[in-house]
C-alpha cells in the first residue's frame, strides 16, 4: 500500500530503501531550521531600501550644491556694462573710417576658482576657454582637457564668458594655499575609504564577536573623520562613506 502511494506521488522511488527517505527529511529539516532565511531576506531588503534612500539624498544634495555654486559672488560679478556692448560683440562694430568689422561669435567660458584645486586644474582657473573646435586667441576645451582639466573627480564649474561684458575675477588663493587644501582633501578621501571598507566588511560578516569589533572600529574612524573635518574647516560628506557608491561618486 505504501509503495503504491509513493509511486503515485513520485514515480520511480518505490524501490528506494527506507533510510534514503530519512536522510532526505533530515536534510530538509536542517535547511529549514538552521539557515537563517528570514535574516538573509531582511538584510537584502534593508540594504536595498537603504541604497534607494541614500541615492535619493545624493541627487537632492547635488541639486543643492549646484544651486549654491551658481549663487556665489563670483558669478554675480559677470554683468553687463551696457546693452550696446553685447550687440557690438555679437553683430560687429564700426572703426573710425566707418567700415564695419564683423566679429565672429565664439562660445566662451571661464573656469571658476576653487580653494583646493589640484595642480592639473589650477592653470585654467579664471581663464577663458573656447568651446569651439579651433580658436586663434584662447585655448580650446579639447586642448585644456588634453592637459588634464576636467579629470575624473574634477569639481570645477564652467561659467559663461561674453566679450566686453564679463569681468574675470582675480584669484583669491595662492597656489601654496590651494596645495595645502588639496592635500587635506586627499587625507579626507583616505579616511572615507577606510570607513567604506569597514562598512562593507561589517555588512558581510555573520560572526557576532567579529561584528562587535568592526562596530567599535567603525565608531573610532567616524569620530576621527568628524574631528579631522572640524579642525581643518572641511565639510564631511557621509554619502562618500557608503560602501556601494561608484568610483566617480567617491570624489564628487
Foldseek 3Di string as FASTA:
>chain_A
DVLVVVCVVPNPCSPPDPVVVVVVVVVVCCVVPPDPPVVVVVLVVVVVVVVVVLVVVVVVVVVVVVVVVCPDPLNVQQFFPDPVVQVCQDAFDADPVGDTDGHHDFWKWAKDDDQQDDPLCVVRHLHIETCDPDDDPGHHPVVSVVSPPPDQLDDIDIGTDGPPGTDRDDDPDDPVRNNVNNVLVVVLLVLLVVLLVLVVCLSPDDDPVVNVVSVVVNVVSVVVSVVSCVVVVHDDDCSLNHNPDDPSVVRD
